[in-house]
Structures are given as structure tokens and as C-alpha cells.
Amino acid sequence: NAYVLAFSSIALFFFAVALVVSIVLFYIKKQIR
């Protein structure tokens, strides 16, 4: 499971990036409106 955790970290990393991008896009779209 130690390796499962380690390799899962790449998915968690990109999920965090995706969340930040979606928040940024949300606020950009909100300002345009």
C-alpha cells in the first residue's frame, strides 16, 4: 500500500491543479459577466 499511496500522489497533485484551474476560470467568467 506504500506504493499505492506514492503513485496515487500524481493523481492527487493533478486533481489539485484541476481544482485551482476550475476556480480561476469560474472567477474570470464571473468578472466578464
ModelCIF file with pLDDT and N, C-alpha, C, O atoms, coordinates in Angstrom:
data_MODEL
#
_entry.id   MODEL 
#
_entity.id                         1 
_entity.type                       polymer 
_entity.pdbx_number_of_molecules   1 
#
_entity_poly.entity_id                      1 
_entity_poly.type                           'polypeptide(L)' 
_entity_poly.nstd_linkage                   no 
_entity_poly.nstd_monomer                   no 
_entity_poly.pdbx_seq_one_letter_code       NAYVLAFSSIALFFFAVALVVSIVLFYIKKQIR 
_entity_poly.pdbx_seq_one_letter_code_can   NAYVLAFSSIALFFFAVALVVSIVLFYIKKQIR 
_entity_poly.pdbx_strand_id                 A 
#
loop_
_entity_poly_seq.entity_id 
_entity_poly_seq.num 
_entity_poly_seq.mon_id 
_entity_poly_seq.hetero 
1 1  ASN n 
1 2  ALA n 
1 3  TYR n 
1 4  VAL n 
1 5  LEU n 
1 6  ALA n 
1 7  PHE n 
1 8  SER n 
1 9  SER n 
1 10 ILE n 
1 11 ALA n 
1 12 LEU n 
1 13 PHE n 
1 14 PHE n 
1 15 PHE n 
1 16 ALA n 
1 17 VAL n 
1 18 ALA n 
1 19 LEU n 
1 20 VAL n 
1 21 VAL n 
1 22 SER n 
1 23 ILE n 
1 24 VAL n 
1 25 LEU n 
1 26 PHE n 
1 27 TYR n 
1 28 ILE n 
1 29 LYS n 
1 30 LYS n 
1 31 GLN n 
1 32 ILE n 
1 33 ARG n 
#
_struct_asym.id          A 
_struct_asym.entity_id   1 
#
loop_
_ma_qa_metric.id 
_ma_qa_metric.mode 
_ma_qa_metric.name 
_ma_qa_metric.software_group_id 
_ma_qa_metric.type 
1 global pLDDT . pLDDT 
2 local  pLDDT . pLDDT 
#
_ma_qa_metric_global.metric_id      1 
_ma_qa_metric_global.metric_value   78.85 
_ma_qa_metric_global.model_id       1 
_ma_qa_metric_global.ordinal_id     1 
#
loop_
_ma_qa_metric_local.label_asym_id 
_ma_qa_metric_local.label_comp_id 
_ma_qa_metric_local.label_seq_id 
_ma_qa_metric_local.metric_id 
_ma_qa_metric_local.metric_value 
_ma_qa_metric_local.model_id 
_ma_qa_metric_local.ordinal_id 
A ASN 1  2 72.00 1 1  
A ALA 2  2 71.00 1 2  
A TYR 3  2 74.00 1 3  
A VAL 4  2 77.00 1 4  
A LEU 5  2 75.00 1 5  
A ALA 6  2 76.00 1 6  
A PHE 7  2 80.00 1 7  
A SER 8  2 83.00 1 8  
A SER 9  2 81.00 1 9  
A ILE 10 2 84.00 1 10 
A ALA 11 2 84.00 1 11 
A LEU 12 2 82.00 1 12 
A PHE 13 2 83.00 1 13 
A PHE 14 2 83.00 1 14 
A PHE 15 2 81.00 1 15 
A ALA 16 2 82.00 1 16 
A VAL 17 2 83.00 1 17 
A ALA 18 2 82.00 1 18 
A LEU 19 2 82.00 1 19 
A VAL 20 2 83.00 1 20 
A VAL 21 2 82.00 1 21 
A SER 22 2 83.00 1 22 
A ILE 23 2 83.00 1 23 
A VAL 24 2 83.00 1 24 
A LEU 25 2 79.00 1 25 
A PHE 26 2 79.00 1 26 
A TYR 27 2 82.00 1 27 
A ILE 28 2 81.00 1 28 
A LYS 29 2 75.00 1 29 
A LYS 30 2 72.00 1 30 
A GLN 31 2 73.00 1 31 
A ILE 32 2 70.00 1 32 
A ARG 33 2 62.00 1 33 
#
loop_
_atom_site.group_PDB 
_atom_site.id 
_atom_site.type_symbol 
_atom_site.label_atom_id 
_atom_site.label_alt_id 
_atom_site.label_comp_id 
_atom_site.label_asym_id 
_atom_site.label_entity_id 
_atom_site.label_seq_id 
_atom_site.pdbx_PDB_ins_code 
_atom_site.Cartn_x 
_atom_site.Cartn_y 
_atom_site.Cartn_z 
_atom_site.occupancy 
_atom_site.B_iso_or_equiv 
_atom_site.pdbx_formal_charge 
_atom_site.auth_seq_id 
_atom_site.auth_comp_id 
_atom_site.auth_asym_id 
_atom_site.auth_atom_id 
_atom_site.pdbx_PDB_model_num 
ATOM 1   N N  . ASN A 1 1  ? 0.823   -1.212 0.000   1.00 72.00 ? 1  ASN A N  1 
ATOM 2   C CA . ASN A 1 1  ? 0.000   0.000  0.000   1.00 72.00 ? 1  ASN A CA 1 
ATOM 3   C C  . ASN A 1 1  ? 0.858   1.264  0.000   1.00 72.00 ? 1  ASN A C  1 
ATOM 4   O O  . ASN A 1 1  ? 0.410   2.330  -0.421  1.00 72.00 ? 1  ASN A O  1 
ATOM 5   N N  . ALA A 1 2  ? 2.089   1.132  0.474   1.00 71.00 ? 2  ALA A N  1 
ATOM 6   C CA . ALA A 1 2  ? 3.003   2.280  0.445   1.00 71.00 ? 2  ALA A CA 1 
ATOM 7   C C  . ALA A 1 2  ? 3.216   2.746  -0.993  1.00 71.00 ? 2  ALA A C  1 
ATOM 8   O O  . ALA A 1 2  ? 3.280   3.945  -1.263  1.00 71.00 ? 2  ALA A O  1 
ATOM 9   N N  . TYR A 1 3  ? 3.323   1.788  -1.911  1.00 74.00 ? 3  TYR A N  1 
ATOM 10  C CA . TYR A 1 3  ? 3.497   2.141  -3.321  1.00 74.00 ? 3  TYR A CA 1 
ATOM 11  C C  . TYR A 1 3  ? 2.191   2.659  -3.921  1.00 74.00 ? 3  TYR A C  1 
ATOM 12  O O  . TYR A 1 3  ? 2.206   3.540  -4.781  1.00 74.00 ? 3  TYR A O  1 
ATOM 13  N N  . VAL A 1 4  ? 1.068   2.116  -3.471  1.00 77.00 ? 4  VAL A N  1 
ATOM 14  C CA . VAL A 1 4  ? -0.232  2.622  -3.921  1.00 77.00 ? 4  VAL A CA 1 
ATOM 15  C C  . VAL A 1 4  ? -0.362  4.102  -3.555  1.00 77.00 ? 4  VAL A C  1 
ATOM 16  O O  . VAL A 1 4  ? -0.805  4.920  -4.361  1.00 77.00 ? 4  VAL A O  1 
ATOM 17  N N  . LEU A 1 5  ? 0.032   4.423  -2.329  1.00 75.00 ? 5  LEU A N  1 
ATOM 18  C CA . LEU A 1 5  ? -0.012  5.817  -1.872  1.00 75.00 ? 5  LEU A CA 1 
ATOM 19  C C  . LEU A 1 5  ? 0.894   6.711  -2.706  1.00 75.00 ? 5  LEU A C  1 
ATOM 20  O O  . LEU A 1 5  ? 0.501   7.798  -3.130  1.00 75.00 ? 5  LEU A O  1 
ATOM 21  N N  . ALA A 1 6  ? 2.106   6.236  -2.932  1.00 76.00 ? 6  ALA A N  1 
ATOM 22  C CA . ALA A 1 6  ? 3.091   7.039  -3.656  1.00 76.00 ? 6  ALA A CA 1 
ATOM 23  C C  . ALA A 1 6  ? 2.631   7.335  -5.075  1.00 76.00 ? 6  ALA A C  1 
ATOM 24  O O  . ALA A 1 6  ? 2.717   8.474  -5.535  1.00 76.00 ? 6  ALA A O  1 
ATOM 25  N N  . PHE A 1 7  ? 2.149   6.322  -5.761  1.00 80.00 ? 7  PHE A N  1 
ATOM 26  C CA . PHE A 1 7  ? 1.715   6.525  -7.144  1.00 80.00 ? 7  PHE A CA 1 
ATOM 27  C C  . PHE A 1 7  ? 0.387   7.285  -7.217  1.00 80.00 ? 7  PHE A C  1 
ATOM 28  O O  . PHE A 1 7  ? 0.097   7.942  -8.217  1.00 80.00 ? 7  PHE A O  1 
ATOM 29  N N  . SER A 1 8  ? -0.411  7.191  -6.162  1.00 83.00 ? 8  SER A N  1 
ATOM 30  C CA . SER A 1 8  ? -1.665  7.959  -6.123  1.00 83.00 ? 8  SER A CA 1 
ATOM 31  C C  . SER A 1 8  ? -1.401  9.454  -6.007  1.00 83.00 ? 8  SER A C  1 
ATOM 32  O O  . SER A 1 8  ? -2.250  10.275 -6.355  1.00 83.00 ? 8  SER A O  1 
ATOM 33  N N  . SER A 1 9  ? -0.218  9.796  -5.517  1.00 81.00 ? 9  SER A N  1 
ATOM 34  C CA . SER A 1 9  ? 0.091   11.208 -5.304  1.00 81.00 ? 9  SER A CA 1 
ATOM 35  C C  . SER A 1 9  ? 0.052   12.003 -6.601  1.00 81.00 ? 9  SER A C  1 
ATOM 36  O O  . SER A 1 9  ? -0.267  13.192 -6.587  1.00 81.00 ? 9  SER A O  1 
ATOM 37  N N  . ILE A 1 10 ? 0.373   11.361 -7.722  1.00 84.00 ? 10 ILE A N  1 
ATOM 38  C CA . ILE A 1 10 ? 0.349   12.087 -9.001  1.00 84.00 ? 10 ILE A CA 1 
ATOM 39  C C  . ILE A 1 10 ? -1.079  12.465 -9.375  1.00 84.00 ? 10 ILE A C  1 
ATOM 40  O O  . ILE A 1 10 ? -1.319  13.542 -9.920  1.00 84.00 ? 10 ILE A O  1 
ATOM 41  N N  . ALA A 1 11 ? -2.040  11.562 -9.076  1.00 84.00 ? 11 ALA A N  1 
ATOM 42  C CA . ALA A 1 11 ? -3.448  11.875 -9.338  1.00 84.00 ? 11 ALA A CA 1 
ATOM 43  C C  . ALA A 1 11 ? -3.926  12.979 -8.405  1.00 84.00 ? 11 ALA A C  1 
ATOM 44  O O  . ALA A 1 11 ? -4.645  13.883 -8.831  1.00 84.00 ? 11 ALA A O  1 
ATOM 45  N N  . LEU A 1 12 ? -3.532  12.913 -7.132  1.00 82.00 ? 12 LEU A N  1 
ATOM 46  C CA . LEU A 1 12 ? -3.918  13.941 -6.166  1.00 82.00 ? 12 LEU A CA 1 
ATOM 47  C C  . LEU A 1 12 ? -3.343  15.298 -6.563  1.00 82.00 ? 12 LEU A C  1 
ATOM 48  O O  . LEU A 1 12 ? -4.003  16.328 -6.424  1.00 82.00 ? 12 LEU A O  1 
ATOM 49  N N  . PHE A 1 13 ? -2.104  15.288 -7.059  1.00 83.00 ? 13 PHE A N  1 
ATOM 50  C CA . PHE A 1 13 ? -1.461  16.525 -7.500  1.00 83.00 ? 13 PHE A CA 1 
ATOM 51  C C  . PHE A 1 13 ? -2.258  17.166 -8.629  1.00 83.00 ? 13 PHE A C  1 
ATOM 52  O O  . PHE A 1 13 ? -2.566  18.357 -8.583  1.00 83.00 ? 13 PHE A O  1 
ATOM 53  N N  . PHE A 1 14 ? -2.591  16.371 -9.643  1.00 83.00 ? 14 PHE A N  1 
ATOM 54  C CA . PHE A 1 14 ? -3.305  16.934 -10.793 1.00 83.00 ? 14 PHE A CA 1 
ATOM 55  C C  . PHE A 1 14 ? -4.745  17.297 -10.458 1.00 83.00 ? 14 PHE A C  1 
ATOM 56  O O  . PHE A 1 14 ? -5.314  18.208 -11.060 1.00 83.00 ? 14 PHE A O  1 
ATOM 57  N N  . PHE A 1 15 ? -5.334  16.592 -9.504  1.00 81.00 ? 15 PHE A N  1 
ATOM 58  C CA . PHE A 1 15 ? -6.664  16.980 -9.062  1.00 81.00 ? 15 PHE A CA 1 
ATOM 59  C C  . PHE A 1 15 ? -6.608  18.356 -8.417  1.00 81.00 ? 15 PHE A C  1 
ATOM 60  O O  . PHE A 1 15 ? -7.499  19.181 -8.621  1.00 81.00 ? 15 PHE A O  1 
ATOM 61  N N  . ALA A 1 16 ? -5.560  18.602 -7.638  1.00 82.00 ? 16 ALA A N  1 
ATOM 62  C CA . ALA A 1 16 ? -5.397  19.908 -7.006  1.00 82.00 ? 16 ALA A CA 1 
ATOM 63  C C  . ALA A 1 16 ? -5.218  20.994 -8.069  1.00 82.00 ? 16 ALA A C  1 
ATOM 64  O O  . ALA A 1 16 ? -5.791  22.078 -7.962  1.00 82.00 ? 16 ALA A O  1 
ATOM 65  N N  . VAL A 1 17 ? -4.411  20.691 -9.102  1.00 83.00 ? 17 VAL A N  1 
ATOM 66  C CA . VAL A 1 17 ? -4.206  21.639 -10.205 1.00 83.00 ? 17 VAL A CA 1 
ATOM 67  C C  . VAL A 1 17 ? -5.527  21.904 -10.922 1.00 83.00 ? 17 VAL A C  1 
ATOM 68  O O  . VAL A 1 17 ? -5.864  23.049 -11.223 1.00 83.00 ? 17 VAL A O  1 
ATOM 69  N N  . ALA A 1 18 ? -6.279  20.815 -11.195 1.00 82.00 ? 18 ALA A N  1 
ATOM 70  C CA . ALA A 1 18 ? -7.568  20.951 -11.876 1.00 82.00 ? 18 ALA A CA 1 
ATOM 71  C C  . ALA A 1 18 ? -8.533  21.802 -11.067 1.00 82.00 ? 18 ALA A C  1 
ATOM 72  O O  . ALA A 1 18 ? -9.287  22.599 -11.625 1.00 82.00 ? 18 ALA A O  1 
ATOM 73  N N  . LEU A 1 19 ? -8.508  21.630 -9.747  1.00 82.00 ? 19 LEU A N  1 
ATOM 74  C CA . LEU A 1 19 ? -9.385  22.408 -8.875  1.00 82.00 ? 19 LEU A CA 1 
ATOM 75  C C  . LEU A 1 19 ? -9.025  23.887 -8.934  1.00 82.00 ? 19 LEU A C  1 
ATOM 76  O O  . LEU A 1 19 ? -9.911  24.739 -9.014  1.00 82.00 ? 19 LEU A O  1 
ATOM 77  N N  . VAL A 1 20 ? -7.733  24.199 -8.894  1.00 83.00 ? 20 VAL A N  1 
ATOM 78  C CA . VAL A 1 20 ? -7.276  25.596 -8.966  1.00 83.00 ? 20 VAL A CA 1 
ATOM 79  C C  . VAL A 1 20 ? -7.677  26.214 -10.302 1.00 83.00 ? 20 VAL A C  1 
ATOM 80  O O  . VAL A 1 20 ? -8.172  27.340 -10.346 1.00 83.00 ? 20 VAL A O  1 
ATOM 81  N N  . VAL A 1 21 ? -7.461  25.475 -11.396 1.00 82.00 ? 21 VAL A N  1 
ATOM 82  C CA . VAL A 1 21 ? -7.808  25.972 -12.736 1.00 82.00 ? 21 VAL A CA 1 
ATOM 83  C C  . VAL A 1 21 ? -9.308  26.243 -12.835 1.00 82.00 ? 21 VAL A C  1 
ATOM 84  O O  . VAL A 1 21 ? -9.719  27.273 -13.369 1.00 82.00 ? 21 VAL A O  1 
ATOM 85  N N  . SER A 1 22 ? -10.129 25.315 -12.319 1.00 83.00 ? 22 SER A N  1 
ATOM 86  C CA . SER A 1 22 ? -11.585 25.489 -12.394 1.00 83.00 ? 22 SER A CA 1 
ATOM 87  C C  . SER A 1 22 ? -12.042 26.701 -11.585 1.00 83.00 ? 22 SER A C  1 
ATOM 88  O O  . SER A 1 22 ? -12.959 27.412 -11.997 1.00 83.00 ? 22 SER A O  1 
ATOM 89  N N  . ILE A 1 23 ? -11.408 26.939 -10.437 1.00 83.00 ? 23 ILE A N  1 
ATOM 90  C CA . ILE A 1 23 ? -11.753 28.108 -9.614  1.00 83.00 ? 23 ILE A CA 1 
ATOM 91  C C  . ILE A 1 23 ? -11.374 29.400 -10.345 1.00 83.00 ? 23 ILE A C  1 
ATOM 92  O O  . ILE A 1 23 ? -12.141 30.363 -10.360 1.00 83.00 ? 23 ILE A O  1 
ATOM 93  N N  . VAL A 1 24 ? -10.176 29.406 -10.954 1.00 83.00 ? 24 VAL A N  1 
ATOM 94  C CA . VAL A 1 24 ? -9.719  30.584 -11.704 1.00 83.00 ? 24 VAL A CA 1 
ATOM 95  C C  . VAL A 1 24 ? -10.658 30.878 -12.869 1.00 83.00 ? 24 VAL A C  1 
ATOM 96  O O  . VAL A 1 24 ? -11.042 32.028 -13.083 1.00 83.00 ? 24 VAL A O  1 
ATOM 97  N N  . LEU A 1 25 ? -11.027 29.846 -13.619 1.00 79.00 ? 25 LEU A N  1 
ATOM 98  C CA . LEU A 1 25 ? -11.945 30.029 -14.748 1.00 79.00 ? 25 LEU A CA 1 
ATOM 99  C C  . LEU A 1 25 ? -13.307 30.531 -14.283 1.00 79.00 ? 25 LEU A C  1 
ATOM 100 O O  . LEU A 1 25 ? -13.937 31.355 -14.948 1.00 79.00 ? 25 LEU A O  1 
ATOM 101 N N  . PHE A 1 26 ? -13.752 30.029 -13.142 1.00 79.00 ? 26 PHE A N  1 
ATOM 102 C CA . PHE A 1 26 ? -15.036 30.454 -12.588 1.00 79.00 ? 26 PHE A CA 1 
ATOM 103 C C  . PHE A 1 26 ? -15.026 31.955 -12.292 1.00 79.00 ? 26 PHE A C  1 
ATOM 104 O O  . PHE A 1 26 ? -15.967 32.668 -12.640 1.00 79.00 ? 26 PHE A O  1 
ATOM 105 N N  . TYR A 1 27 ? -13.961 32.428 -11.652 1.00 82.00 ? 27 TYR A N  1 
ATOM 106 C CA . TYR A 1 27 ? -13.911 33.842 -11.287 1.00 82.00 ? 27 TYR A CA 1 
ATOM 107 C C  . TYR A 1 27 ? -13.661 34.737 -12.498 1.00 82.00 ? 27 TYR A C  1 
ATOM 108 O O  . TYR A 1 27 ? -14.138 35.871 -12.532 1.00 82.00 ? 27 TYR A O  1 
ATOM 109 N N  . ILE A 1 28 ? -12.921 34.244 -13.493 1.00 81.00 ? 28 ILE A N  1 
ATOM 110 C CA . ILE A 1 28 ? -12.743 35.017 -14.739 1.00 81.00 ? 28 ILE A CA 1 
ATOM 111 C C  . ILE A 1 28 ? -14.078 35.180 -15.442 1.00 81.00 ? 28 ILE A C  1 
ATOM 112 O O  . ILE A 1 28 ? -14.441 36.271 -15.881 1.00 81.00 ? 28 ILE A O  1 
ATOM 113 N N  . LYS A 1 29 ? -14.807 34.064 -15.540 1.00 75.00 ? 29 LYS A N  1 
ATOM 114 C CA . LYS A 1 29 ? -16.128 34.104 -16.187 1.00 75.00 ? 29 LYS A CA 1 
ATOM 115 C C  . LYS A 1 29 ? -17.083 35.019 -15.417 1.00 75.00 ? 29 LYS A C  1 
ATOM 116 O O  . LYS A 1 29 ? -17.899 35.718 -16.018 1.00 75.00 ? 29 LYS A O  1 
ATOM 117 N N  . LYS A 1 30 ? -16.977 35.010 -14.099 1.00 72.00 ? 30 LYS A N  1 
ATOM 118 C CA . LYS A 1 30 ? -17.831 35.839 -13.259 1.00 72.00 ? 30 LYS A CA 1 
ATOM 119 C C  . LYS A 1 30 ? -17.547 37.333 -13.490 1.00 72.00 ? 30 LYS A C  1 
ATOM 120 O O  . LYS A 1 30 ? -18.464 38.155 -13.519 1.00 72.00 ? 30 LYS A O  1 
ATOM 121 N N  . GLN A 1 31 ? -16.254 37.664 -13.655 1.00 73.00 ? 31 GLN A N  1 
ATOM 122 C CA . GLN A 1 31 ? -15.882 39.067 -13.897 1.00 73.00 ? 31 GLN A CA 1 
ATOM 123 C C  . GLN A 1 31 ? -16.359 39.540 -15.261 1.00 73.00 ? 31 GLN A C  1 
ATOM 124 O O  . GLN A 1 31 ? -16.784 40.685 -15.416 1.00 73.00 ? 31 GLN A O  1 
ATOM 125 N N  . ILE A 1 32 ? -16.285 38.647 -16.258 1.00 70.00 ? 32 ILE A N  1 
ATOM 126 C CA . ILE A 1 32 ? -16.714 39.004 -17.609 1.00 70.00 ? 32 ILE A CA 1 
ATOM 127 C C  . ILE A 1 32 ? -18.206 39.324 -17.642 1.00 70.00 ? 32 ILE A C  1 
ATOM 128 O O  . ILE A 1 32 ? -18.655 40.237 -18.335 1.00 70.00 ? 32 ILE A O  1 
ATOM 129 N N  . ARG A 1 33 ? -18.965 38.532 -16.861 1.00 62.00 ? 33 ARG A N  1 
ATOM 130 C CA . ARG A 1 33 ? -20.405 38.763 -16.785 1.00 62.00 ? 33 ARG A CA 1 
ATOM 131 C C  . ARG A 1 33 ? -20.696 40.149 -16.180 1.00 62.00 ? 33 ARG A C  1 
ATOM 132 O O  . ARG A 1 33 ? -21.859 40.526 -16.034 1.00 62.00 ? 33 ARG A O  1 
#
